[in-house]
Protein backbone atom coordinates (compact mmCIF):
# COMPACT_ATOMS: atom_id res chain seq x y z
CA GLN A 1 -0.06 0.07 -0.11
CA GLN A 2 2.92 2.31 0.61
CA ASP A 3 3.70 1.74 -3.14
CA GLU A 4 0.52 3.12 -4.07
CA LYS A 5 0.86 6.19 -1.86
CA GLU A 6 4.45 6.91 -3.53
CA LEU A 7 3.12 6.39 -7.03
CA GLY A 8 0.11 8.68 -6.13
CA SER A 9 2.37 11.25 -4.89
CA LYS A 10 4.33 11.24 -8.02
CA ASN A 11 1.14 11.46 -10.03
CA LEU A 12 0.43 14.42 -8.06
CA MET A 13 3.84 15.84 -8.83
CA TRP A 14 3.38 15.19 -12.73
CA LEU A 15 0.01 16.90 -12.46
CA SER A 16 1.39 19.92 -10.71
CA CYS A 17 4.13 20.27 -13.40
CA TRP A 18 1.54 19.81 -16.35
CA GLY A 19 -0.70 22.40 -14.57
CA HIS A 20 2.17 24.69 -14.59
CA LEU A 21 2.96 24.16 -18.26
CA ASN A 22 -0.68 24.54 -19.16
CA ARG A 23 -0.54 28.17 -17.64
CA GLY A 24 1.83 29.19 -20.22
CA SER A 25 5.15 28.56 -18.51
CA THR A 26 8.33 29.63 -20.51
CA LYS A 27 9.92 26.42 -19.47
CA PRO A 28 7.93 23.56 -20.89
CA TYR A 29 9.60 20.64 -19.28
CA CYS A 30 9.19 18.72 -15.90
CA PHE A 31 11.56 15.90 -14.44
CA ILE A 32 10.46 13.61 -11.93
CA ASP A 33 12.98 11.50 -9.82
CA VAL A 34 11.45 8.00 -9.64
CA ARG A 35 13.38 5.75 -7.12
CA GLY A 36 12.55 2.35 -7.78
CA SER A 37 14.06 -1.18 -8.02
CA VAL A 38 16.18 -1.71 -11.02
CA GLU A 39 16.25 -5.08 -12.71
CA THR A 40 18.91 -6.01 -15.25
CA ASN A 41 17.83 -8.39 -18.01
CA SER A 42 19.31 -9.97 -20.98
CA VAL A 43 17.48 -8.61 -24.26
CA ALA A 44 18.02 -9.30 -28.03
CA ALA A 45 20.14 -6.82 -29.81
CA ASP A 46 19.79 -6.72 -33.63
CA ASN A 47 20.19 -10.61 -33.93
CA LYS A 48 23.60 -10.57 -32.15
CA GLY A 49 22.30 -12.30 -29.09
CA GLY A 50 21.66 -11.07 -25.79
CA GLU A 51 22.82 -7.69 -24.19
CA GLU A 52 22.46 -6.54 -20.52
CA SER A 53 19.77 -3.78 -20.15
CA LYS A 54 17.95 -2.17 -17.28
CA ALA A 55 14.31 -1.67 -16.52
CA ASN A 56 12.45 -0.02 -13.55
CA LEU A 57 8.95 -0.92 -12.87
CA GLU A 58 7.97 2.02 -10.71
CA GLU A 59 9.25 4.40 -13.59
CA ALA A 60 7.16 2.56 -16.20
CA ASP A 61 4.11 2.70 -14.20
CA LEU A 62 4.56 6.45 -13.98
CA VAL A 63 5.05 6.76 -17.60
CA ILE A 64 1.80 4.94 -18.32
CA SER A 65 0.06 7.26 -15.87
CA ILE A 66 1.41 10.37 -17.63
CA VAL A 67 0.43 8.98 -21.14
CA GLN A 68 -3.10 8.43 -19.89
CA SER A 69 -3.39 11.90 -18.39
CA LEU A 70 -2.09 13.32 -21.66
CA VAL A 71 -4.33 11.49 -23.73
CA PHE A 72 -7.61 11.30 -21.77
CA THR A 73 -7.45 14.35 -19.54
CA TYR A 74 -5.65 16.73 -21.79
CA LYS A 75 -6.79 15.27 -25.10
CA ILE A 76 -3.19 15.21 -26.63
CA SER A 77 -3.00 12.95 -29.71
CA GLN A 78 -0.66 9.90 -29.30
CA THR A 79 1.12 10.74 -32.31
CA GLN A 80 2.30 13.85 -30.57
CA ILE A 81 3.81 11.73 -27.75
CA ARG A 82 7.22 10.13 -27.68
CA ILE A 83 8.58 8.16 -24.72
CA LEU A 84 12.36 8.19 -24.55
CA THR A 85 14.46 5.80 -22.58
CA PRO A 86 18.01 4.94 -22.48
CA TYR A 87 17.45 1.21 -22.07
CA THR A 88 16.16 -1.30 -24.29
CA ALA A 89 14.58 -3.66 -21.52
CA GLN A 90 12.83 -0.45 -20.17
CA LYS A 91 11.36 0.37 -23.76
CA CYS A 92 10.11 -3.19 -23.98
CA LEU A 93 8.64 -2.94 -20.32
CA ILE A 94 6.81 0.36 -21.09
CA ILE A 95 5.48 -0.98 -24.63
CA GLN A 96 4.19 -4.06 -22.74
CA LYS A 97 2.47 -1.96 -20.29
CA LEU A 98 1.03 0.27 -22.79
CA GLU A 99 -0.60 -2.45 -24.45
CA GLN A 100 -1.83 -3.96 -21.33
CA THR A 101 -3.38 -0.82 -20.30
CA ASN A 102 -5.06 0.15 -23.45
CA PRO A 103 -4.67 -1.44 -27.02
CA LYS A 104 -5.19 1.90 -28.39
CA PHE A 105 -1.97 3.13 -27.07
CA GLU A 106 -0.15 1.38 -29.93
CA LYS A 107 0.30 4.93 -31.73
CA THR A 108 2.46 6.26 -28.75
CA ARG A 109 6.14 5.80 -29.73
CA VAL A 110 8.38 4.39 -27.39
CA CYS A 111 12.11 4.70 -28.45
CA THR A 112 15.64 4.29 -27.00
CA VAL A 113 17.65 7.40 -27.03
CA PHE A 114 19.84 5.81 -30.21
CA GLU A 115 16.53 5.07 -32.09
CA THR A 116 15.27 8.56 -31.96
CA GLN A 117 18.04 10.61 -33.26
CA GLY A 118 16.44 13.02 -35.68
CA GLY A 119 12.98 12.34 -34.69
CA GLU A 120 10.69 14.90 -33.38
CA ALA A 121 7.65 14.93 -31.06
CA ASP A 122 5.74 17.63 -29.19
CA PHE A 123 5.72 15.70 -26.02
CA VAL A 124 8.95 13.68 -24.84
């Protein structure tokens, strides 16, 4: 139950940041420190075998919550959203959670830092 409280407080921090952005802030960004357990997993890398990569479940849960807020509360198009992560395992976890949460989230782009070079999105 403490985990739910902590995630809830992170959601409030997110909503507070978003409210600030909606009021015409000249600094349209928000960073949220998510402390959670980091798992190291082996993931396939370009058919060359496995590589070690990291994933954080608590961070993935917060990302899903932010996407839900953007899409359902603020009516942001999924095509305007790009989720950026440095780790392939985190990318896979976020995609899995997006699909489990709502199949319509398939249009939300999830990329590693390397994959997104040269890409553009309104919400990253």
